[in-house]
């Protein structure tokens, strides 16, 4: 009888330990998901598929033209908005797969940004006479108002 009781206690303790372990793992996963989501929501470098809808007039210029940017303030923070675009003369399409911020340099009111842009394109078509394009919009928090922007060495014009 004592042997059965000790076996039951061991089974009961094993179930309790497994239950506690499962709870700890679920809490850990929840914390990781929470931190990941809050990092995305509060990020200083946001990539959007569409025009960000911050300033209707400036957004429409940004949508129509390449190599343009504008600044805006939200609370006490300064931000810039600009467009990254890639083009190709392929038979199918082009898709920007990722954009990573490599380096940021401030000098007075000049900002130089280096981005690593990864894109996928189809086979080149030598007869295609107009390009296919893909574009992404970047919202980036900056330390102060920017008057000049260079992205991967290319100058962007300020939309005032």
C-alpha atoms as a PDB file:
ATOM      1  CA  UNK A   1       0.000   0.000   0.000  1.00  0.00           C
ATOM      2  CA  UNK A   2       2.843   2.366   0.780  1.00  0.00           C
ATOM      3  CA  UNK A   3       4.415   1.603  -2.590  1.00  0.00           C
ATOM      4  CA  UNK A   4       1.169   2.543  -4.383  1.00  0.00           C
ATOM      5  CA  UNK A   5       0.902   5.785  -2.389  1.00  0.00           C
ATOM      6  CA  UNK A   6       4.492   6.783  -3.215  1.00  0.00           C
ATOM      7  CA  UNK A   7       3.897   6.002  -6.915  1.00  0.00           C
ATOM      8  CA  UNK A   8       0.738   8.108  -6.883  1.00  0.00           C
ATOM      9  CA  UNK A   9       2.638  10.954  -5.221  1.00  0.00           C
ATOM     10  CA  UNK A  10       5.390  10.754  -7.841  1.00  0.00           C
ATOM     11  CA  UNK A  11       2.838  10.799 -10.684  1.00  0.00           C
ATOM     12  CA  UNK A  12       1.028  13.703  -9.009  1.00  0.00           C
ATOM     13  CA  UNK A  13       4.312  15.619  -8.537  1.00  0.00           C
ATOM     14  CA  UNK A  14       5.365  14.922 -12.138  1.00  0.00           C
ATOM     15  CA  UNK A  15       2.027  16.280 -13.407  1.00  0.00           C
ATOM     16  CA  UNK A  16       2.408  19.339 -11.206  1.00  0.00           C
ATOM     17  CA  UNK A  17       5.955  19.997 -12.463  1.00  0.00           C
ATOM     18  CA  UNK A  18       4.857  19.557 -16.087  1.00  0.00           C
ATOM     19  CA  UNK A  19       1.918  21.929 -15.526  1.00  0.00           C
ATOM     20  CA  UNK A  20       4.173  24.571 -13.980  1.00  0.00           C
ATOM     21  CA  UNK A  21       6.679  24.152 -16.816  1.00  0.00           C
ATOM     22  CA  UNK A  22       3.940  24.621 -19.435  1.00  0.00           C
ATOM     23  CA  UNK A  23       2.723  27.786 -17.648  1.00  0.00           C
ATOM     24  CA  UNK A  24       6.260  29.220 -17.556  1.00  0.00           C
ATOM     25  CA  UNK A  25       6.754  28.504 -21.269  1.00  0.00           C
ATOM     26  CA  UNK A  26       3.414  30.140 -22.169  1.00  0.00           C
ATOM     27  CA  UNK A  27       4.263  33.219 -20.095  1.00  0.00           C
ATOM     28  CA  UNK A  28       7.678  33.437 -21.788  1.00  0.00           C
ATOM     29  CA  UNK A  29       6.098  33.206 -25.251  1.00  0.00           C
ATOM     30  CA  UNK A  30       3.568  35.898 -24.283  1.00  0.00           C
ATOM     31  CA  UNK A  31       6.311  38.260 -23.103  1.00  0.00           C
ATOM     32  CA  UNK A  32       8.334  37.714 -26.290  1.00  0.00           C
ATOM     33  CA  UNK A  33       5.270  38.438 -28.472  1.00  0.00           C
ATOM     34  CA  UNK A  34       4.420  41.554 -26.433  1.00  0.00           C
ATOM     35  CA  UNK A  35       7.966  42.931 -26.696  1.00  0.00           C
ATOM     36  CA  UNK A  36       8.120  42.161 -30.420  1.00  0.00           C
ATOM     37  CA  UNK A  37       4.814  43.952 -31.088  1.00  0.00           C
ATOM     38  CA  UNK A  38       5.746  46.976 -28.988  1.00  0.00           C
ATOM     39  CA  UNK A  39       9.091  47.204 -30.823  1.00  0.00           C
ATOM     40  CA  UNK A  40       7.275  47.267 -34.175  1.00  0.00           C
ATOM     41  CA  UNK A  41       4.732  49.858 -32.999  1.00  0.00           C
ATOM     42  CA  UNK A  42       7.354  52.152 -31.460  1.00  0.00           C
ATOM     43  CA  UNK A  43      10.019  51.626 -34.068  1.00  0.00           C
ATOM     44  CA  UNK A  44      12.159  54.522 -35.244  1.00  0.00           C
ATOM     45  CA  UNK A  45      12.297  53.037 -38.770  1.00  0.00           C
ATOM     46  CA  UNK A  46       8.934  51.982 -40.252  1.00  0.00           C
ATOM     47  CA  UNK A  47       8.459  50.507 -43.733  1.00  0.00           C
ATOM     48  CA  UNK A  48       5.048  50.940 -45.384  1.00  0.00           C
ATOM     49  CA  UNK A  49       3.589  49.590 -48.612  1.00  0.00           C
ATOM     50  CA  UNK A  50       1.421  52.667 -49.184  1.00  0.00           C
ATOM     51  CA  UNK A  51       1.747  56.423 -48.762  1.00  0.00           C
ATOM     52  CA  UNK A  52       1.676  57.083 -45.000  1.00  0.00           C
ATOM     53  CA  UNK A  53      -1.276  59.559 -45.052  1.00  0.00           C
ATOM     54  CA  UNK A  54       0.351  62.189 -42.839  1.00  0.00           C
ATOM     55  CA  UNK A  55       0.097  65.332 -44.983  1.00  0.00           C
ATOM     56  CA  UNK A  56      -2.219  64.971 -47.988  1.00  0.00           C
ATOM     57  CA  UNK A  57      -0.425  67.520 -50.196  1.00  0.00           C
ATOM     58  CA  UNK A  58       3.092  66.257 -49.453  1.00  0.00           C
ATOM     59  CA  UNK A  59       1.987  62.619 -49.616  1.00  0.00           C
ATOM     60  CA  UNK A  60       0.644  63.153 -53.140  1.00  0.00           C
ATOM     61  CA  UNK A  61       4.001  64.653 -54.253  1.00  0.00           C
ATOM     62  CA  UNK A  62       5.850  61.774 -52.592  1.00  0.00           C
ATOM     63  CA  UNK A  63       3.620  59.274 -54.377  1.00  0.00           C
ATOM     64  CA  UNK A  64       4.108  60.862 -57.825  1.00  0.00           C
ATOM     65  CA  UNK A  65       7.846  61.597 -57.764  1.00  0.00           C
ATOM     66  CA  UNK A  66      10.959  59.727 -56.743  1.00  0.00           C
ATOM     67  CA  UNK A  67      13.841  61.037 -54.639  1.00  0.00           C
ATOM     68  CA  UNK A  68      11.724  63.348 -52.493  1.00  0.00           C
ATOM     69  CA  UNK A  69      11.270  63.552 -48.720  1.00  0.00           C
ATOM     70  CA  UNK A  70       9.528  65.681 -46.127  1.00  0.00           C
ATOM     71  CA  UNK A  71       9.816  66.324 -42.403  1.00  0.00           C
ATOM     72  CA  UNK A  72       7.104  66.446 -39.769  1.00  0.00           C
ATOM     73  CA  UNK A  73       6.763  66.587 -36.002  1.00  0.00           C
ATOM     74  CA  UNK A  74       4.731  64.353 -33.721  1.00  0.00           C
ATOM     75  CA  UNK A  75       4.812  65.632 -30.168  1.00  0.00           C
ATOM     76  CA  UNK A  76       8.407  66.567 -29.424  1.00  0.00           C
ATOM     77  CA  UNK A  77       9.836  64.093 -31.959  1.00  0.00           C
ATOM     78  CA  UNK A  78      11.014  64.849 -35.495  1.00  0.00           C
ATOM     79  CA  UNK A  79      10.441  62.430 -38.389  1.00  0.00           C
ATOM     80  CA  UNK A  80      11.158  62.230 -42.097  1.00  0.00           C
ATOM     81  CA  UNK A  81       9.213  60.374 -44.781  1.00  0.00           C
ATOM     82  CA  UNK A  82      10.717  59.179 -48.053  1.00  0.00           C
ATOM     83  CA  UNK A  83      10.168  56.610 -50.771  1.00  0.00           C
ATOM     84  CA  UNK A  84      12.422  53.768 -51.862  1.00  0.00           C
ATOM     85  CA  UNK A  85      11.767  52.361 -55.305  1.00  0.00           C
ATOM     86  CA  UNK A  86      13.320  49.764 -57.520  1.00  0.00           C
ATOM     87  CA  UNK A  87      12.703  49.183 -61.208  1.00  0.00           C
ATOM     88  CA  UNK A  88      13.444  46.467 -63.722  1.00  0.00           C
ATOM     89  CA  UNK A  89      12.857  45.581 -67.337  1.00  0.00           C
ATOM     90  CA  UNK A  90      11.628  42.035 -66.772  1.00  0.00           C
ATOM     91  CA  UNK A  91       8.834  39.933 -68.180  1.00  0.00           C
ATOM     92  CA  UNK A  92       7.076  39.406 -64.836  1.00  0.00           C
ATOM     93  CA  UNK A  93       7.525  41.714 -61.894  1.00  0.00           C
ATOM     94  CA  UNK A  94       9.792  43.114 -59.237  1.00  0.00           C
ATOM     95  CA  UNK A  95       9.245  42.952 -55.497  1.00  0.00           C
ATOM     96  CA  UNK A  96      11.170  44.656 -52.711  1.00  0.00           C
ATOM     97  CA  UNK A  97      11.547  41.880 -50.152  1.00  0.00           C
ATOM     98  CA  UNK A  98      13.371  43.690 -47.350  1.00  0.00           C
ATOM     99  CA  UNK A  99      14.953  46.984 -46.391  1.00  0.00           C
ATOM    100  CA  UNK A 100      17.468  47.102 -43.573  1.00  0.00           C
ATOM    101  CA  UNK A 101      18.955  50.217 -42.031  1.00  0.00           C
ATOM    102  CA  UNK A 102      22.737  49.826 -42.289  1.00  0.00           C
ATOM    103  CA  UNK A 103      24.120  53.221 -41.240  1.00  0.00           C
ATOM    104  CA  UNK A 104      22.971  56.735 -40.297  1.00  0.00           C
ATOM    105  CA  UNK A 105      25.206  59.831 -40.281  1.00  0.00           C
ATOM    106  CA  UNK A 106      24.210  63.351 -39.158  1.00  0.00           C
ATOM    107  CA  UNK A 107      26.215  66.412 -40.078  1.00  0.00           C
ATOM    108  CA  UNK A 108      24.564  69.725 -39.188  1.00  0.00           C
ATOM    109  CA  UNK A 109      21.146  69.386 -40.840  1.00  0.00           C
ATOM    110  CA  UNK A 110      22.307  66.812 -43.383  1.00  0.00           C
ATOM    111  CA  UNK A 111      21.333  63.176 -42.952  1.00  0.00           C
ATOM    112  CA  UNK A 112      23.006  60.331 -44.844  1.00  0.00           C
ATOM    113  CA  UNK A 113      21.285  56.946 -44.684  1.00  0.00           C
ATOM    114  CA  UNK A 114      22.673  53.660 -45.965  1.00  0.00           C
ATOM    115  CA  UNK A 115      20.071  50.976 -46.658  1.00  0.00           C
ATOM    116  CA  UNK A 116      20.451  47.358 -47.657  1.00  0.00           C
ATOM    117  CA  UNK A 117      17.602  46.758 -50.116  1.00  0.00           C
ATOM    118  CA  UNK A 118      16.816  43.212 -51.156  1.00  0.00           C
ATOM    119  CA  UNK A 119      14.489  42.652 -54.088  1.00  0.00           C
ATOM    120  CA  UNK A 120      13.394  39.845 -56.370  1.00  0.00           C
ATOM    121  CA  UNK A 121      12.920  40.235 -60.098  1.00  0.00           C
ATOM    122  CA  UNK A 122      12.010  37.965 -62.973  1.00  0.00           C
ATOM    123  CA  UNK A 123      13.879  37.281 -66.200  1.00  0.00           C
ATOM    124  CA  UNK A 124      15.133  40.266 -68.152  1.00  0.00           C
ATOM    125  CA  UNK A 125      13.174  40.985 -71.318  1.00  0.00           C
ATOM    126  CA  UNK A 126      15.330  42.902 -73.858  1.00  0.00           C
ATOM    127  CA  UNK A 127      12.196  43.973 -75.779  1.00  0.00           C
ATOM    128  CA  UNK A 128      10.500  45.631 -72.793  1.00  0.00           C
ATOM    129  CA  UNK A 129      10.553  49.409 -73.286  1.00  0.00           C
ATOM    130  CA  UNK A 130       8.975  50.518 -69.983  1.00  0.00           C
ATOM    131  CA  UNK A 131      10.053  49.465 -66.508  1.00  0.00           C
ATOM    132  CA  UNK A 132       8.173  47.613 -63.813  1.00  0.00           C
ATOM    133  CA  UNK A 133       8.581  49.177 -60.372  1.00  0.00           C
ATOM    134  CA  UNK A 134       8.003  48.443 -56.706  1.00  0.00           C
ATOM    135  CA  UNK A 135       8.099  51.044 -53.985  1.00  0.00           C
ATOM    136  CA  UNK A 136       8.075  51.265 -50.201  1.00  0.00           C
ATOM    137  CA  UNK A 137       7.645  54.278 -47.969  1.00  0.00           C
ATOM    138  CA  UNK A 138       9.905  54.867 -44.993  1.00  0.00           C
ATOM    139  CA  UNK A 139       9.066  56.820 -41.840  1.00  0.00           C
ATOM    140  CA  UNK A 140      12.196  57.474 -39.813  1.00  0.00           C
ATOM    141  CA  UNK A 141      12.644  59.240 -36.492  1.00  0.00           C
ATOM    142  CA  UNK A 142      15.481  61.778 -36.591  1.00  0.00           C
ATOM    143  CA  UNK A 143      17.308  63.767 -33.911  1.00  0.00           C
ATOM    144  CA  UNK A 144      16.416  67.176 -35.336  1.00  0.00           C
ATOM    145  CA  UNK A 145      15.007  68.862 -38.438  1.00  0.00           C
ATOM    146  CA  UNK A 146      16.679  67.681 -41.634  1.00  0.00           C
ATOM    147  CA  UNK A 147      17.279  70.003 -44.581  1.00  0.00           C
ATOM    148  CA  UNK A 148      19.198  67.568 -46.821  1.00  0.00           C
ATOM    149  CA  UNK A 149      18.804  63.807 -47.171  1.00  0.00           C
ATOM    150  CA  UNK A 150      21.063  61.321 -48.932  1.00  0.00           C
ATOM    151  CA  UNK A 151      19.945  57.700 -49.258  1.00  0.00           C
ATOM    152  CA  UNK A 152      22.615  55.280 -50.511  1.00  0.00           C
ATOM    153  CA  UNK A 153      24.540  58.283 -51.843  1.00  0.00           C
ATOM    154  CA  UNK A 154      21.573  59.673 -53.795  1.00  0.00           C
ATOM    155  CA  UNK A 155      20.302  63.168 -52.909  1.00  0.00           C
ATOM    156  CA  UNK A 156      16.595  63.496 -52.064  1.00  0.00           C
ATOM    157  CA  UNK A 157      14.801  66.791 -52.569  1.00  0.00           C
ATOM    158  CA  UNK A 158      12.838  68.317 -49.660  1.00  0.00           C
ATOM    159  CA  UNK A 159       9.084  68.766 -50.257  1.00  0.00           C
ATOM    160  CA  UNK A 160       8.381  72.034 -48.450  1.00  0.00           C
END
